[in-house]
Every structure is written in structure tokens, then in C-alpha cells.
Amino acid sequence: MATDLSNWDWYRTFLAVLEEGSLSAAARSLGLTQPTAGRHVEALERHLGLPLFTRSQQGLMPTEAAQRLQPQAKLMATTAASLLRMASGERDRVSGTVRISASDVVGVEVLPPILAALQADYPELTIELSLSDKIEDLLRREADIAVRMTAPKQEVLLVRTVGPVSLGMYARRDYLERCGMPESLADLKRHRLIGFDRETAFIRAAMEALPLLSGFTFSFRADNNLAQLAAIRAGLGIGLCQVPLARRQPDLVRLFEDDIELLLETHVVMHEDMKSARRCRVVFDALVQGLKAFTGA
């Protein structure tokens, strides 16, 4: 017995012959060869046990049986087209949950406007944001996508480098008015410096690029980059800040621009198994474009 798919092919060819009036015209409209169209009609006639067409000088003429079948065949065609549209819509639909892992500063200061625009375009998309610097969360599938300042080395990860983020030394203007403008790097030792109380991958990269950081004594320490950023903004002292973030606040003054600059490459990372999921691909691409705009890449 023929499969349902084959049966629909027969009925589709049957309708085309009814509309076109000949096997050759029906075959052209369906992208088939004429012999294939003829086999479809013959198979349907055998399946139904009824003749559907008679040959005449005007072409193929439908029998009474064919005329009675025509409305039901058209209904089948309408249903098939509707199913195809629904299937196409499901394929192109972007919905479900995507979990993003990012550092605290990037997650709080950089990503929200990117994600707001993304969800405006895809309202059925749910975003979960995890503030973490650990690349292992992708390998353990604790997150779908990560934004990182250090490039992962695992081969199973899809990595897109979006450009460097520039970091500089900043202080608030009123702090400098109170404590004076440092004239040299050596002067920094008599200032209140804002720094870290534990090493992270980011901190290690910073110290490799700027060895002078290892010789500083910090008067304010925090194990959280957001807390360090808040301290700079509050005028507690001098610290490292991402240049694009500092530009948002005119009262932050950059120090030693020619001497102190740290470039951190920014990467959007996804497990390669997730690239076939449309929701993940859409989020991945939006993060790449949004972060390129942020870094000026």
C-alpha cells in the first residue's frame, strides 16, 4: 500500500491536470517530468479503481468521478499549504530560554540595552543572565552563551572575537581637586588606589600587561568589579575602568593615557552543539553586533 506522502503527490498532480488540462502543462507547473506526472495519475486511478480522465483533441477531459473528487482534493491542497506554513513558522520562530554568562561589569553595564533590543524583536525569547567569569560553565552546559575577556582554548566551543575593550586609569574630578593630580606614575603611590583582593583571569591578564599594578598598595579593595567601578564613580580614589564606560560620565578624568592602557579582547562563546538552535544563534549574533558597537570594533 502506498504511503500517505505518495498519495498526496498523486492528488497534487491530479489537481494540476484538472487546472492545466494536460499532463505536460501539469508537469511544468509542478516541476516534474511528464512521465512522472503520468505515473501519478495512473497510480491514483489504480488506487481508487476509477478512471479520472479521458483523452480528447482538447487534452485530458475529467470524468464525472474526477469532478466529484475535485473539491476534496482542493481541501487537501489547502490543508497541506496550511501545514507547510505552520511548519515554516515553527522553524523560523525564536522562542524559549537562552542562558548567558558574563562578568559582573559586562552583565550589568553593557548587556541590558543589547538584550532589551533583542527581546523587543523576539518577544517570546526568555533571557537568563548569570554573572560569572568561569568558562567551564559552558562545558558543563550551565550556560548557553558566554561573554568573556579571555579566549577559551577548548575546541568544542564556537568563539567570535568582537574587538578589544580599552581600560585606563581614572579618578573622579572632585577627588583630584582634593588630593591633587599625579604628575608621574611614581606619584600614584601617595594616592588612594582602588583594586582587587583576589586574583582572577582578568586580573592576571591586567598584571601581565601592566606589571606596575603588582607593586601598588590599594587603600580600597573589592573582590567584585562592580564594587570597584562604583568606588571610582564615588570618588574613593584612582582605579582601572573600561574606557567606553568612563565616557558615559563626564566627571571621570583619565590619567596617564599615554602610559597606562590595557586592551582586553572580548569574545562571545557558545558550545558548538548549540549553534543549530535558532534561539541561541539569534542571541549569539545579537551579542556579537552589540558588543562590536560597544567596543567600537
C-alpha atoms as a PDB file:
ATOM      1  CA  MET A   1       0.000   0.000   0.000  1.00  0.00           C
ATOM      2  CA  ALA A   2       1.286   3.465  -0.903  1.00  0.00           C
ATOM      3  CA  THR A   3       2.382   5.843   1.800  1.00  0.00           C
ATOM      4  CA  ASP A   4       0.371   8.954   2.711  1.00  0.00           C
ATOM      5  CA  LEU A   5       3.114  11.156   1.222  1.00  0.00           C
ATOM      6  CA  SER A   6       2.863   9.349  -2.101  1.00  0.00           C
ATOM      7  CA  ASN A   7      -0.933   9.617  -2.024  1.00  0.00           C
ATOM      8  CA  TRP A   8      -0.701  13.408  -1.584  1.00  0.00           C
ATOM      9  CA  ASP A   9       1.716  13.613  -4.518  1.00  0.00           C
ATOM     10  CA  TRP A  10      -0.863  11.807  -6.629  1.00  0.00           C
ATOM     11  CA  TYR A  11      -3.673  14.154  -5.622  1.00  0.00           C
ATOM     12  CA  ARG A  12      -1.491  17.211  -6.176  1.00  0.00           C
ATOM     13  CA  THR A  13      -0.724  16.049  -9.728  1.00  0.00           C
ATOM     14  CA  PHE A  14      -4.402  15.196 -10.249  1.00  0.00           C
ATOM     15  CA  LEU A  15      -5.383  18.786  -9.315  1.00  0.00           C
ATOM     16  CA  ALA A  16      -2.703  20.243 -11.588  1.00  0.00           C
ATOM     17  CA  VAL A  17      -4.000  18.195 -14.557  1.00  0.00           C
ATOM     18  CA  LEU A  18      -7.527  19.390 -13.797  1.00  0.00           C
ATOM     19  CA  GLU A  19      -6.354  23.008 -13.767  1.00  0.00           C
ATOM     20  CA  GLU A  20      -3.908  22.846 -16.692  1.00  0.00           C
ATOM     21  CA  GLY A  21      -5.784  20.454 -18.937  1.00  0.00           C
ATOM     22  CA  SER A  22      -2.776  18.328 -19.946  1.00  0.00           C
ATOM     23  CA  LEU A  23      -0.040  16.196 -18.440  1.00  0.00           C
ATOM     24  CA  SER A  24       2.740  18.317 -19.963  1.00  0.00           C
ATOM     25  CA  ALA A  25       1.357  21.582 -18.569  1.00  0.00           C
ATOM     26  CA  ALA A  26       0.684  19.995 -15.183  1.00  0.00           C
ATOM     27  CA  ALA A  27       4.240  18.615 -15.068  1.00  0.00           C
ATOM     28  CA  ARG A  28       5.715  22.054 -15.853  1.00  0.00           C
ATOM     29  CA  SER A  29       3.666  23.754 -13.130  1.00  0.00           C
ATOM     30  CA  LEU A  30       4.843  21.209 -10.529  1.00  0.00           C
ATOM     31  CA  GLY A  31       8.438  20.955 -11.674  1.00  0.00           C
ATOM     32  CA  LEU A  32       8.012  17.303 -12.656  1.00  0.00           C
ATOM     33  CA  THR A  33       8.707  15.360 -15.820  1.00  0.00           C
ATOM     34  CA  GLN A  34       5.717  14.427 -17.939  1.00  0.00           C
ATOM     35  CA  PRO A  35       6.233  10.658 -17.398  1.00  0.00           C
ATOM     36  CA  THR A  36       6.267  11.203 -13.617  1.00  0.00           C
ATOM     37  CA  ALA A  37       3.019  13.197 -13.785  1.00  0.00           C
ATOM     38  CA  GLY A  38       1.508  10.409 -15.905  1.00  0.00           C
ATOM     39  CA  ARG A  39       2.572   7.756 -13.365  1.00  0.00           C
ATOM     40  CA  HIS A  40       0.979   9.768 -10.535  1.00  0.00           C
ATOM     41  CA  VAL A  41      -2.363   9.914 -12.347  1.00  0.00           C
ATOM     42  CA  GLU A  42      -2.231   6.220 -13.248  1.00  0.00           C
ATOM     43  CA  ALA A  43      -1.337   5.265  -9.676  1.00  0.00           C
ATOM     44  CA  LEU A  44      -4.247   7.292  -8.303  1.00  0.00           C
ATOM     45  CA  GLU A  45      -6.642   5.690 -10.790  1.00  0.00           C
ATOM     46  CA  ARG A  46      -5.443   2.205  -9.760  1.00  0.00           C
ATOM     47  CA  HIS A  47      -5.686   3.139  -6.071  1.00  0.00           C
ATOM     48  CA  LEU A  48      -9.258   4.415  -6.481  1.00  0.00           C
ATOM     49  CA  GLY A  49     -10.315   1.849  -9.084  1.00  0.00           C
ATOM     50  CA  LEU A  50     -11.776   4.681 -11.185  1.00  0.00           C
ATOM     51  CA  PRO A  51     -10.872   6.338 -14.494  1.00  0.00           C
ATOM     52  CA  LEU A  52     -10.254  10.045 -13.888  1.00  0.00           C
ATOM     53  CA  PHE A  53      -9.546  11.397 -17.378  1.00  0.00           C
ATOM     54  CA  THR A  54     -10.402  10.651 -20.974  1.00  0.00           C
ATOM     55  CA  ARG A  55      -8.235  11.802 -23.849  1.00  0.00           C
ATOM     56  CA  SER A  56      -9.658  14.187 -26.439  1.00  0.00           C
ATOM     57  CA  GLN A  57      -8.389  16.640 -29.049  1.00  0.00           C
ATOM     58  CA  GLN A  58      -8.661  19.355 -26.395  1.00  0.00           C
ATOM     59  CA  GLY A  59      -6.440  17.406 -23.995  1.00  0.00           C
ATOM     60  CA  LEU A  60      -7.381  15.376 -20.917  1.00  0.00           C
ATOM     61  CA  MET A  61     -11.041  15.686 -20.009  1.00  0.00           C
ATOM     62  CA  PRO A  62     -12.077  14.913 -16.410  1.00  0.00           C
ATOM     63  CA  THR A  63     -14.604  12.154 -15.838  1.00  0.00           C
ATOM     64  CA  GLU A  64     -17.585  12.603 -13.534  1.00  0.00           C
ATOM     65  CA  ALA A  65     -15.619  10.795 -10.820  1.00  0.00           C
ATOM     66  CA  ALA A  66     -12.782  13.311 -11.172  1.00  0.00           C
ATOM     67  CA  GLN A  67     -15.209  16.231 -10.926  1.00  0.00           C
ATOM     68  CA  ARG A  68     -16.679  14.769  -7.719  1.00  0.00           C
ATOM     69  CA  LEU A  69     -13.171  14.321  -6.252  1.00  0.00           C
ATOM     70  CA  GLN A  70     -12.035  17.837  -7.128  1.00  0.00           C
ATOM     71  CA  PRO A  71     -13.494  19.684  -4.065  1.00  0.00           C
ATOM     72  CA  GLN A  72     -11.949  17.189  -1.644  1.00  0.00           C
ATOM     73  CA  ALA A  73      -8.617  17.316  -3.437  1.00  0.00           C
ATOM     74  CA  LYS A  74      -8.662  21.132  -3.199  1.00  0.00           C
ATOM     75  CA  LEU A  75      -9.372  20.824   0.511  1.00  0.00           C
ATOM     76  CA  MET A  76      -6.354  18.534   0.825  1.00  0.00           C
ATOM     77  CA  ALA A  77      -4.240  21.126  -1.019  1.00  0.00           C
ATOM     78  CA  THR A  78      -5.422  23.907   1.300  1.00  0.00           C
ATOM     79  CA  THR A  79      -4.643  21.776   4.360  1.00  0.00           C
ATOM     80  CA  ALA A  80      -1.213  20.848   3.041  1.00  0.00           C
ATOM     81  CA  ALA A  81      -0.374  24.504   2.367  1.00  0.00           C
ATOM     82  CA  SER A  82      -1.517  25.438   5.869  1.00  0.00           C
ATOM     83  CA  LEU A  83       0.644  22.719   7.409  1.00  0.00           C
ATOM     84  CA  LEU A  84       3.638  23.915   5.403  1.00  0.00           C
ATOM     85  CA  ARG A  85       3.141  27.499   6.600  1.00  0.00           C
ATOM     86  CA  MET A  86       2.858  26.334  10.216  1.00  0.00           C
ATOM     87  CA  ALA A  87       5.963  24.183   9.914  1.00  0.00           C
ATOM     88  CA  SER A  88       7.881  27.065   8.341  1.00  0.00           C
ATOM     89  CA  GLY A  89       6.724  29.393  11.121  1.00  0.00           C
ATOM     90  CA  GLU A  90       7.879  26.941  13.806  1.00  0.00           C
ATOM     91  CA  ARG A  91      11.244  26.626  12.097  1.00  0.00           C
ATOM     92  CA  ASP A  92      11.728  30.405  11.934  1.00  0.00           C
ATOM     93  CA  ARG A  93      10.190  31.151  15.316  1.00  0.00           C
ATOM     94  CA  VAL A  94      12.510  32.378  18.036  1.00  0.00           C
ATOM     95  CA  SER A  95      11.239  31.379  21.447  1.00  0.00           C
ATOM     96  CA  GLY A  96      12.385  29.643  24.582  1.00  0.00           C
ATOM     97  CA  THR A  97      15.129  30.337  27.106  1.00  0.00           C
ATOM     98  CA  VAL A  98      18.760  31.252  26.492  1.00  0.00           C
ATOM     99  CA  ARG A  99      21.133  31.493  29.459  1.00  0.00           C
ATOM    100  CA  ILE A 100      24.012  33.957  29.118  1.00  0.00           C
ATOM    101  CA  SER A 101      27.083  34.024  31.304  1.00  0.00           C
ATOM    102  CA  ALA A 102      29.032  37.284  31.587  1.00  0.00           C
ATOM    103  CA  SER A 103      31.248  39.128  34.031  1.00  0.00           C
ATOM    104  CA  ASP A 104      29.510  41.371  36.540  1.00  0.00           C
ATOM    105  CA  VAL A 105      30.504  44.631  34.832  1.00  0.00           C
ATOM    106  CA  VAL A 106      29.562  43.433  31.347  1.00  0.00           C
ATOM    107  CA  GLY A 107      26.333  41.858  32.603  1.00  0.00           C
ATOM    108  CA  VAL A 108      25.192  44.978  34.474  1.00  0.00           C
ATOM    109  CA  GLU A 109      26.718  47.847  32.488  1.00  0.00           C
ATOM    110  CA  VAL A 110      26.881  46.621  28.884  1.00  0.00           C
ATOM    111  CA  LEU A 111      24.392  43.879  28.077  1.00  0.00           C
ATOM    112  CA  PRO A 112      20.999  45.264  29.255  1.00  0.00           C
ATOM    113  CA  PRO A 113      20.405  47.614  26.274  1.00  0.00           C
ATOM    114  CA  ILE A 114      21.530  44.887  23.853  1.00  0.00           C
ATOM    115  CA  LEU A 115      19.140  42.405  25.452  1.00  0.00           C
ATOM    116  CA  ALA A 116      16.298  44.934  25.567  1.00  0.00           C
ATOM    117  CA  ALA A 117      16.549  45.458  21.798  1.00  0.00           C
ATOM    118  CA  LEU A 118      16.779  41.700  21.263  1.00  0.00           C
ATOM    119  CA  GLN A 119      13.618  40.951  23.247  1.00  0.00           C
ATOM    120  CA  ALA A 120      11.781  43.784  21.509  1.00  0.00           C
ATOM    121  CA  ASP A 121      12.437  41.941  18.243  1.00  0.00           C
ATOM    122  CA  TYR A 122      11.720  38.498  19.726  1.00  0.00           C
ATOM    123  CA  PRO A 123       9.105  38.842  22.498  1.00  0.00           C
ATOM    124  CA  GLU A 124       8.849  35.083  23.022  1.00  0.00           C
ATOM    125  CA  LEU A 125      12.527  34.875  23.915  1.00  0.00           C
ATOM    126  CA  THR A 126      13.414  34.478  27.597  1.00  0.00           C
ATOM    127  CA  ILE A 127      16.866  35.561  28.742  1.00  0.00           C
ATOM    128  CA  GLU A 128      18.624  34.294  31.854  1.00  0.00           C
ATOM    129  CA  LEU A 129      21.758  36.207  32.870  1.00  0.00           C
ATOM    130  CA  SER A 130      24.401  34.592  35.054  1.00  0.00           C
ATOM    131  CA  LEU A 131      27.203  36.810  36.382  1.00  0.00           C
ATOM    132  CA  SER A 132      30.221  34.534  36.177  1.00  0.00           C
ATOM    133  CA  ASP A 133      33.782  34.553  34.827  1.00  0.00           C
ATOM    134  CA  LYS A 134      34.120  30.771  34.650  1.00  0.00           C
ATOM    135  CA  ILE A 135      34.434  29.356  31.138  1.00  0.00           C
ATOM    136  CA  GLU A 136      33.720  25.880  32.488  1.00  0.00           C
ATOM    137  CA  ASP A 137      30.042  26.728  32.818  1.00  0.00           C
ATOM    138  CA  LEU A 138      29.718  26.314  29.029  1.00  0.00           C
ATOM    139  CA  LEU A 139      31.390  22.914  29.060  1.00  0.00           C
ATOM    140  CA  ARG A 140      29.042  21.748  31.814  1.00  0.00           C
ATOM    141  CA  ARG A 141      26.107  23.331  29.926  1.00  0.00           C
ATOM    142  CA  GLU A 142      25.366  25.664  32.837  1.00  0.00           C
ATOM    143  CA  ALA A 143      25.053  28.435  30.252  1.00  0.00           C
ATOM    144  CA  ASP A 144      24.305  28.524  26.527  1.00  0.00           C
ATOM    145  CA  ILE A 145      26.432  31.550  25.623  1.00  0.00           C
ATOM    146  CA  ALA A 146      29.205  33.413  27.433  1.00  0.00           C
ATOM    147  CA  VAL A 147      30.853  36.809  27.050  1.00  0.00           C
ATOM    148  CA  ARG A 148      34.494  36.571  28.089  1.00  0.00           C
ATOM    149  CA  MET A 149      37.585  38.784  28.249  1.00  0.00           C
ATOM    150  CA  THR A 150      39.939  35.813  27.923  1.00  0.00           C
ATOM    151  CA  ALA A 151      39.833  33.479  24.942  1.00  0.00           C
ATOM    152  CA  PRO A 152      38.825  29.897  25.752  1.00  0.00           C
ATOM    153  CA  LYS A 153      41.076  27.156  24.454  1.00  0.00           C
ATOM    154  CA  GLN A 154      38.565  24.286  24.301  1.00  0.00           C
ATOM    155  CA  GLU A 155      37.940  23.071  20.743  1.00  0.00           C
ATOM    156  CA  VAL A 156      34.282  22.256  21.365  1.00  0.00           C
ATOM    157  CA  LEU A 157      33.470  25.955  21.783  1.00  0.00           C
ATOM    158  CA  LEU A 158      32.463  28.322  18.998  1.00  0.00           C
ATOM    159  CA  VAL A 159      34.283  31.627  19.603  1.00  0.00           C
ATOM    160  CA  ARG A 160      33.718  35.008  17.948  1.00  0.00           C
ATOM    161  CA  THR A 161      36.196  37.739  18.846  1.00  0.00           C
ATOM    162  CA  VAL A 162      34.433  41.098  18.686  1.00  0.00           C
ATOM    163  CA  GLY A 163      37.272  43.515  19.420  1.00  0.00           C
ATOM    164  CA  PRO A 164      39.296  44.878  22.296  1.00  0.00           C
ATOM    165  CA  VAL A 165      37.934  46.854  25.224  1.00  0.00           C
ATOM    166  CA  SER A 166      40.324  49.565  26.298  1.00  0.00           C
ATOM    167  CA  LEU A 167      40.933  50.096  30.020  1.00  0.00           C
ATOM    168  CA  GLY A 168      42.527  53.172  31.532  1.00  0.00           C
ATOM    169  CA  MET A 169      43.286  54.711  34.912  1.00  0.00           C
ATOM    170  CA  TYR A 170      40.503  57.009  36.102  1.00  0.00           C
ATOM    171  CA  ALA A 171      39.530  59.156  39.058  1.00  0.00           C
ATOM    172  CA  ARG A 172      36.611  61.432  39.723  1.00  0.00           C
ATOM    173  CA  ARG A 173      37.284  65.132  39.207  1.00  0.00           C
ATOM    174  CA  ASP A 174      36.479  66.160  42.779  1.00  0.00           C
ATOM    175  CA  TYR A 175      38.882  63.502  44.135  1.00  0.00           C
ATOM    176  CA  LEU A 176      41.690  65.044  42.063  1.00  0.00           C
ATOM    177  CA  GLU A 177      40.713  68.521  43.258  1.00  0.00           C
ATOM    178  CA  ARG A 178      41.046  67.315  46.879  1.00  0.00           C
ATOM    179  CA  CYS A 179      44.134  65.123  46.550  1.00  0.00           C
ATOM    180  CA  GLY A 180      45.962  66.656  43.610  1.00  0.00           C
ATOM    181  CA  MET A 181      46.743  65.499  40.102  1.00  0.00           C
ATOM    182  CA  PRO A 182      49.504  62.860  39.999  1.00  0.00           C
ATOM    183  CA  GLU A 183      52.315  64.098  37.775  1.00  0.00           C
ATOM    184  CA  SER A 184      54.089  60.762  37.338  1.00  0.00           C
ATOM    185  CA  LEU A 185      53.429  57.066  37.809  1.00  0.00           C
ATOM    186  CA  ALA A 186      55.512  57.237  40.976  1.00  0.00           C
ATOM    187  CA  ASP A 187      53.041  59.786  42.371  1.00  0.00           C
ATOM    188  CA  LEU A 188      50.332  57.099  42.334  1.00  0.00           C
ATOM    189  CA  LYS A 189      51.895  55.581  45.448  1.00  0.00           C
ATOM    190  CA  ARG A 190      50.763  58.557  47.522  1.00  0.00           C
ATOM    191  CA  HIS A 191      47.181  58.343  46.222  1.00  0.00           C
ATOM    192  CA  ARG A 192      44.252  56.217  47.250  1.00  0.00           C
ATOM    193  CA  LEU A 193      44.170  53.336  44.808  1.00  0.00           C
ATOM    194  CA  ILE A 194      41.196  51.100  44.117  1.00  0.00           C
ATOM    195  CA  GLY A 195      41.936  47.469  43.362  1.00  0.00           C
ATOM    196  CA  PHE A 196      41.270  43.796  43.921  1.00  0.00           C
ATOM    197  CA  ASP A 197      41.608  41.472  46.876  1.00  0.00           C
ATOM    198  CA  ARG A 198      41.896  38.248  44.881  1.00  0.00           C
ATOM    199  CA  GLU A 199      43.316  37.265  41.519  1.00  0.00           C
ATOM    200  CA  THR A 200      41.011  36.359  38.656  1.00  0.00           C
ATOM    201  CA  ALA A 201      41.754  35.602  34.992  1.00  0.00           C
ATOM    202  CA  PHE A 202      41.028  39.250  34.261  1.00  0.00           C
ATOM    203  CA  ILE A 203      43.382  40.467  36.991  1.00  0.00           C
ATOM    204  CA  ARG A 204      46.189  38.150  35.859  1.00  0.00           C
ATOM    205  CA  ALA A 205      45.820  39.454  32.299  1.00  0.00           C
ATOM    206  CA  ALA A 206      45.893  43.024  33.613  1.00  0.00           C
ATOM    207  CA  MET A 207      49.054  42.468  35.645  1.00  0.00           C
ATOM    208  CA  GLU A 208      50.809  40.804  32.697  1.00  0.00           C
ATOM    209  CA  ALA A 209      50.010  43.825  30.537  1.00  0.00           C
ATOM    210  CA  LEU A 210      50.719  46.371  33.299  1.00  0.00           C
ATOM    211  CA  PRO A 211      53.371  44.969  35.671  1.00  0.00           C
ATOM    212  CA  LEU A 212      53.304  48.179  37.717  1.00  0.00           C
ATOM    213  CA  LEU A 213      49.941  47.104  39.149  1.00  0.00           C
ATOM    214  CA  SER A 214      51.642  44.380  41.185  1.00  0.00           C
ATOM    215  CA  GLY A 215      53.654  46.994  43.073  1.00  0.00           C
ATOM    216  CA  PHE A 216      50.713  49.091  44.213  1.00  0.00           C
ATOM    217  CA  THR A 217      49.112  49.098  47.661  1.00  0.00           C
ATOM    218  CA  PHE A 218      45.375  49.502  47.456  1.00  0.00           C
ATOM    219  CA  SER A 219      43.506  51.591  50.003  1.00  0.00           C
ATOM    220  CA  PHE A 220      40.181  50.172  48.773  1.00  0.00           C
ATOM    221  CA  ARG A 221      39.873  46.514  47.793  1.00  0.00           C
ATOM    222  CA  ALA A 222      36.944  44.551  46.485  1.00  0.00           C
ATOM    223  CA  ASP A 223      36.512  41.088  45.043  1.00  0.00           C
ATOM    224  CA  ASN A 224      33.807  42.438  42.745  1.00  0.00           C
ATOM    225  CA  ASN A 225      34.485  44.519  39.636  1.00  0.00           C
ATOM    226  CA  LEU A 226      31.189  46.357  40.014  1.00  0.00           C
ATOM    227  CA  ALA A 227      32.177  47.434  43.519  1.00  0.00           C
ATOM    228  CA  GLN A 228      35.496  48.743  42.185  1.00  0.00           C
ATOM    229  CA  LEU A 229      33.683  50.640  39.428  1.00  0.00           C
ATOM    230  CA  ALA A 230      31.253  52.110  41.972  1.00  0.00           C
ATOM    231  CA  ALA A 231      34.193  53.199  44.139  1.00  0.00           C
ATOM    232  CA  ILE A 232      35.797  55.061  41.203  1.00  0.00           C
ATOM    233  CA  ARG A 233      32.493  56.739  40.398  1.00  0.00           C
ATOM    234  CA  ALA A 234      32.019  57.695  44.053  1.00  0.00           C
ATOM    235  CA  GLY A 235      35.423  59.411  44.227  1.00  0.00           C
ATOM    236  CA  LEU A 236      37.124  56.955  46.592  1.00  0.00           C
ATOM    237  CA  GLY A 237      40.332  57.040  44.586  1.00  0.00           C
ATOM    238  CA  ILE A 238      42.030  56.018  41.359  1.00  0.00           C
ATOM    239  CA  GLY A 239      41.346  52.747  39.590  1.00  0.00           C
ATOM    240  CA  LEU A 240      41.084  50.917  36.283  1.00  0.00           C
ATOM    241  CA  CYS A 241      37.878  51.428  34.313  1.00  0.00           C
ATOM    242  CA  GLN A 242      36.689  50.423  30.864  1.00  0.00           C
ATOM    243  CA  VAL A 243      37.071  53.467  28.620  1.00  0.00           C
ATOM    244  CA  PRO A 244      33.610  53.149  26.973  1.00  0.00           C
ATOM    245  CA  LEU A 245      32.005  53.115  30.433  1.00  0.00           C
ATOM    246  CA  ALA A 246      34.066  56.053  31.674  1.00  0.00           C
ATOM    247  CA  ARG A 247      32.981  58.115  28.668  1.00  0.00           C
ATOM    248  CA  ARG A 248      29.423  57.952  29.939  1.00  0.00           C
ATOM    249  CA  GLN A 249      30.393  60.050  32.970  1.00  0.00           C
ATOM    250  CA  PRO A 250      31.994  63.430  32.212  1.00  0.00           C
ATOM    251  CA  ASP A 251      33.206  63.812  35.812  1.00  0.00           C
ATOM    252  CA  LEU A 252      35.645  60.903  35.400  1.00  0.00           C
ATOM    253  CA  VAL A 253      39.129  62.001  34.368  1.00  0.00           C
ATOM    254  CA  ARG A 254      41.577  59.707  32.622  1.00  0.00           C
ATOM    255  CA  LEU A 255      45.147  59.693  33.936  1.00  0.00           C
ATOM    256  CA  PHE A 256      48.369  58.793  32.119  1.00  0.00           C
ATOM    257  CA  GLU A 257      46.591  57.954  28.873  1.00  0.00           C
ATOM    258  CA  ASP A 258      49.920  57.590  27.050  1.00  0.00           C
ATOM    259  CA  ASP A 259      51.433  55.367  29.739  1.00  0.00           C
ATOM    260  CA  ILE A 260      48.602  53.194  31.024  1.00  0.00           C
ATOM    261  CA  GLU A 261      46.307  51.386  28.610  1.00  0.00           C
ATOM    262  CA  LEU A 262      45.161  47.813  28.749  1.00  0.00           C
ATOM    263  CA  LEU A 263      43.425  46.173  25.800  1.00  0.00           C
ATOM    264  CA  LEU A 264      41.264  43.184  26.615  1.00  0.00           C
ATOM    265  CA  GLU A 265      39.903  41.177  23.699  1.00  0.00           C
ATOM    266  CA  THR A 266      36.201  40.475  24.052  1.00  0.00           C
ATOM    267  CA  HIS A 267      34.844  37.110  22.974  1.00  0.00           C
ATOM    268  CA  VAL A 268      31.341  35.714  22.535  1.00  0.00           C
ATOM    269  CA  VAL A 269      31.441  31.980  23.146  1.00  0.00           C
ATOM    270  CA  MET A 270      28.928  29.199  22.551  1.00  0.00           C
ATOM    271  CA  HIS A 271      29.130  25.420  22.737  1.00  0.00           C
ATOM    272  CA  GLU A 272      29.195  24.179  19.150  1.00  0.00           C
ATOM    273  CA  ASP A 273      26.254  21.844  19.863  1.00  0.00           C
ATOM    274  CA  MET A 274      24.043  24.925  20.416  1.00  0.00           C
ATOM    275  CA  LYS A 275      24.676  26.601  17.062  1.00  0.00           C
ATOM    276  CA  SER A 276      21.848  24.663  15.396  1.00  0.00           C
ATOM    277  CA  ALA A 277      19.308  26.067  17.900  1.00  0.00           C
ATOM    278  CA  ARG A 278      17.863  29.174  16.242  1.00  0.00           C
ATOM    279  CA  ARG A 279      17.188  30.960  19.543  1.00  0.00           C
ATOM    280  CA  CYS A 280      20.862  30.574  20.536  1.00  0.00           C
ATOM    281  CA  ARG A 281      22.113  31.657  17.130  1.00  0.00           C
ATOM    282  CA  VAL A 282      19.955  34.786  17.214  1.00  0.00           C
ATOM    283  CA  VAL A 283      21.195  35.718  20.696  1.00  0.00           C
ATOM    284  CA  PHE A 284      24.809  34.921  19.771  1.00  0.00           C
ATOM    285  CA  ASP A 285      24.653  37.171  16.699  1.00  0.00           C
ATOM    286  CA  ALA A 286      22.946  39.984  18.628  1.00  0.00           C
ATOM    287  CA  LEU A 287      25.644  39.892  21.304  1.00  0.00           C
ATOM    288  CA  VAL A 288      28.384  39.985  18.683  1.00  0.00           C
ATOM    289  CA  GLN A 289      26.862  43.021  16.960  1.00  0.00           C
ATOM    290  CA  GLY A 290      26.023  44.813  20.210  1.00  0.00           C
ATOM    291  CA  LEU A 291      29.473  44.295  21.685  1.00  0.00           C
ATOM    292  CA  LYS A 292      31.143  45.406  18.466  1.00  0.00           C
ATOM    293  CA  ALA A 293      29.234  48.661  18.779  1.00  0.00           C
ATOM    294  CA  PHE A 294      30.282  48.959  22.419  1.00  0.00           C
ATOM    295  CA  THR A 295      33.969  48.328  21.720  1.00  0.00           C
ATOM    296  CA  GLY A 296      33.959  50.410  18.553  1.00  0.00           C
ATOM    297  CA  ALA A 297      35.232  47.444  16.532  1.00  0.00           C
END
